[in-house]
Amino acid sequence: MVRSQQGPQNLQSLEYYVYILFSASLDLYYIGSSADPSKRLRKHLSNHKGFTSKAKDWKICYTECFDEKSKASAREKQLKVGKAVAI
């Protein structure tokens, strides 16, 4: 099961999401996965080391919902290597 949407809505404990963040200041996208994209975004915006620490204007611009973490992880990898089906 895959459900696409603009931003996370009605997060349920058995769902896992692939999300795409966008930073206007860097003009870059970031792809990740999480059971709670909104909570994960807060971590991306906090003080930390890593790719997303380069900007503080990340916004969730896209999510896909999966019924299994392994399916979300596979989709995340697919997107990251550029073999993605159009979203």
C-alpha atoms as a PDB file:
ATOM      1  CA  MET A   1       0.000   0.000   0.000  1.00  0.00           C
ATOM      2  CA  VAL A   2       1.326   3.406  -0.960  1.00  0.00           C
ATOM      3  CA  ARG A   3      -0.464   6.669  -0.279  1.00  0.00           C
ATOM      4  CA  SER A   4       0.996   9.931  -1.550  1.00  0.00           C
ATOM      5  CA  GLN A   5       0.156  13.263  -0.016  1.00  0.00           C
ATOM      6  CA  GLN A   6       1.409  16.795   0.419  1.00  0.00           C
ATOM      7  CA  GLY A   7       2.685  16.826   4.015  1.00  0.00           C
ATOM      8  CA  PRO A   8       1.987  14.326   6.785  1.00  0.00           C
ATOM      9  CA  GLN A   9      -1.586  13.864   7.967  1.00  0.00           C
ATOM     10  CA  ASN A  10      -3.163  11.510  10.488  1.00  0.00           C
ATOM     11  CA  LEU A  11       0.009   9.655  11.379  1.00  0.00           C
ATOM     12  CA  GLN A  12      -0.730   6.143  12.615  1.00  0.00           C
ATOM     13  CA  SER A  13       1.663   3.946  14.550  1.00  0.00           C
ATOM     14  CA  LEU A  14       1.800   1.223  11.874  1.00  0.00           C
ATOM     15  CA  GLU A  15       2.643   3.606   9.052  1.00  0.00           C
ATOM     16  CA  TYR A  16       6.099   4.593   7.920  1.00  0.00           C
ATOM     17  CA  TYR A  17       6.861   7.513   5.646  1.00  0.00           C
ATOM     18  CA  VAL A  18       9.376   8.539   3.047  1.00  0.00           C
ATOM     19  CA  TYR A  19       9.625  12.307   3.063  1.00  0.00           C
ATOM     20  CA  ILE A  20      11.299  14.949   0.953  1.00  0.00           C
ATOM     21  CA  LEU A  21      12.490  18.184   2.532  1.00  0.00           C
ATOM     22  CA  PHE A  22      13.343  21.345   0.625  1.00  0.00           C
ATOM     23  CA  SER A  23      15.592  24.220   1.698  1.00  0.00           C
ATOM     24  CA  ALA A  24      15.021  27.434  -0.256  1.00  0.00           C
ATOM     25  CA  SER A  25      18.240  28.995   1.052  1.00  0.00           C
ATOM     26  CA  LEU A  26      20.312  26.058  -0.253  1.00  0.00           C
ATOM     27  CA  ASP A  27      17.987  25.253  -3.183  1.00  0.00           C
ATOM     28  CA  LEU A  28      18.385  21.573  -2.229  1.00  0.00           C
ATOM     29  CA  TYR A  29      16.224  18.587  -1.429  1.00  0.00           C
ATOM     30  CA  TYR A  30      16.771  15.948   1.257  1.00  0.00           C
ATOM     31  CA  ILE A  31      15.169  12.489   1.237  1.00  0.00           C
ATOM     32  CA  GLY A  32      14.562  10.539   4.434  1.00  0.00           C
ATOM     33  CA  SER A  33      12.179   8.121   6.129  1.00  0.00           C
ATOM     34  CA  SER A  34      10.493   8.099   9.516  1.00  0.00           C
ATOM     35  CA  ALA A  35       7.439   6.911  11.418  1.00  0.00           C
ATOM     36  CA  ASP A  36       6.780  10.580  12.268  1.00  0.00           C
ATOM     37  CA  PRO A  37       7.999  13.057   9.607  1.00  0.00           C
ATOM     38  CA  SER A  38       6.924  16.129  11.602  1.00  0.00           C
ATOM     39  CA  LYS A  39       8.942  15.052  14.621  1.00  0.00           C
ATOM     40  CA  ARG A  40      11.879  14.146  12.381  1.00  0.00           C
ATOM     41  CA  LEU A  41      11.711  17.601  10.758  1.00  0.00           C
ATOM     42  CA  ARG A  42      12.082  19.193  14.197  1.00  0.00           C
ATOM     43  CA  LYS A  43      15.309  17.197  14.630  1.00  0.00           C
ATOM     44  CA  HIS A  44      16.557  18.331  11.215  1.00  0.00           C
ATOM     45  CA  LEU A  45      15.916  21.927  12.282  1.00  0.00           C
ATOM     46  CA  SER A  46      17.635  21.555  15.651  1.00  0.00           C
ATOM     47  CA  ASN A  47      21.330  22.084  16.324  1.00  0.00           C
ATOM     48  CA  HIS A  48      23.092  18.968  15.083  1.00  0.00           C
ATOM     49  CA  LYS A  49      25.851  17.800  12.762  1.00  0.00           C
ATOM     50  CA  GLY A  50      25.031  16.418   9.351  1.00  0.00           C
ATOM     51  CA  PHE A  51      23.749  17.396   5.943  1.00  0.00           C
ATOM     52  CA  THR A  52      20.589  19.178   7.087  1.00  0.00           C
ATOM     53  CA  SER A  53      22.484  21.273   9.653  1.00  0.00           C
ATOM     54  CA  LYS A  54      23.561  23.548   6.781  1.00  0.00           C
ATOM     55  CA  ALA A  55      20.166  25.314   6.794  1.00  0.00           C
ATOM     56  CA  LYS A  56      17.293  26.023   9.163  1.00  0.00           C
ATOM     57  CA  ASP A  57      14.549  26.546   6.596  1.00  0.00           C
ATOM     58  CA  TRP A  58      13.752  22.904   5.720  1.00  0.00           C
ATOM     59  CA  LYS A  59      10.098  22.241   4.887  1.00  0.00           C
ATOM     60  CA  ILE A  60       8.369  18.959   4.158  1.00  0.00           C
ATOM     61  CA  CYS A  61       7.298  19.192   0.533  1.00  0.00           C
ATOM     62  CA  TYR A  62       6.271  15.577  -0.097  1.00  0.00           C
ATOM     63  CA  THR A  63       5.521  12.326   1.746  1.00  0.00           C
ATOM     64  CA  GLU A  64       4.655   8.764   0.789  1.00  0.00           C
ATOM     65  CA  CYS A  65       3.075   6.399   3.293  1.00  0.00           C
ATOM     66  CA  PHE A  66       3.869   2.683   3.585  1.00  0.00           C
ATOM     67  CA  ASP A  67       2.507  -0.095   5.749  1.00  0.00           C
ATOM     68  CA  GLU A  68       5.979  -1.526   6.434  1.00  0.00           C
ATOM     69  CA  LYS A  69       9.279   0.105   7.374  1.00  0.00           C
ATOM     70  CA  SER A  70      11.132  -2.121   4.899  1.00  0.00           C
ATOM     71  CA  LYS A  71       8.985  -0.819   2.018  1.00  0.00           C
ATOM     72  CA  ALA A  72       9.651   2.791   3.043  1.00  0.00           C
ATOM     73  CA  SER A  73      13.389   2.086   3.283  1.00  0.00           C
ATOM     74  CA  ALA A  74      13.402   0.499  -0.174  1.00  0.00           C
ATOM     75  CA  ARG A  75      11.549   3.498  -1.640  1.00  0.00           C
ATOM     76  CA  GLU A  76      13.950   5.915   0.084  1.00  0.00           C
ATOM     77  CA  LYS A  77      16.920   4.107  -1.475  1.00  0.00           C
ATOM     78  CA  GLN A  78      15.191   4.099  -4.864  1.00  0.00           C
ATOM     79  CA  LEU A  79      14.656   7.855  -4.712  1.00  0.00           C
ATOM     80  CA  LYS A  80      18.210   8.514  -3.565  1.00  0.00           C
ATOM     81  CA  VAL A  81      19.797   6.627  -6.458  1.00  0.00           C
ATOM     82  CA  GLY A  82      17.586   8.346  -9.012  1.00  0.00           C
ATOM     83  CA  LYS A  83      15.628   5.287 -10.145  1.00  0.00           C
ATOM     84  CA  ALA A  84      12.373   6.713  -8.902  1.00  0.00           C
ATOM     85  CA  VAL A  85       9.080   6.495 -10.671  1.00  0.00           C
ATOM     86  CA  ALA A  86       7.663   9.992 -11.204  1.00  0.00           C
ATOM     87  CA  ILE A  87       5.984  11.298  -8.068  1.00  0.00           C
END
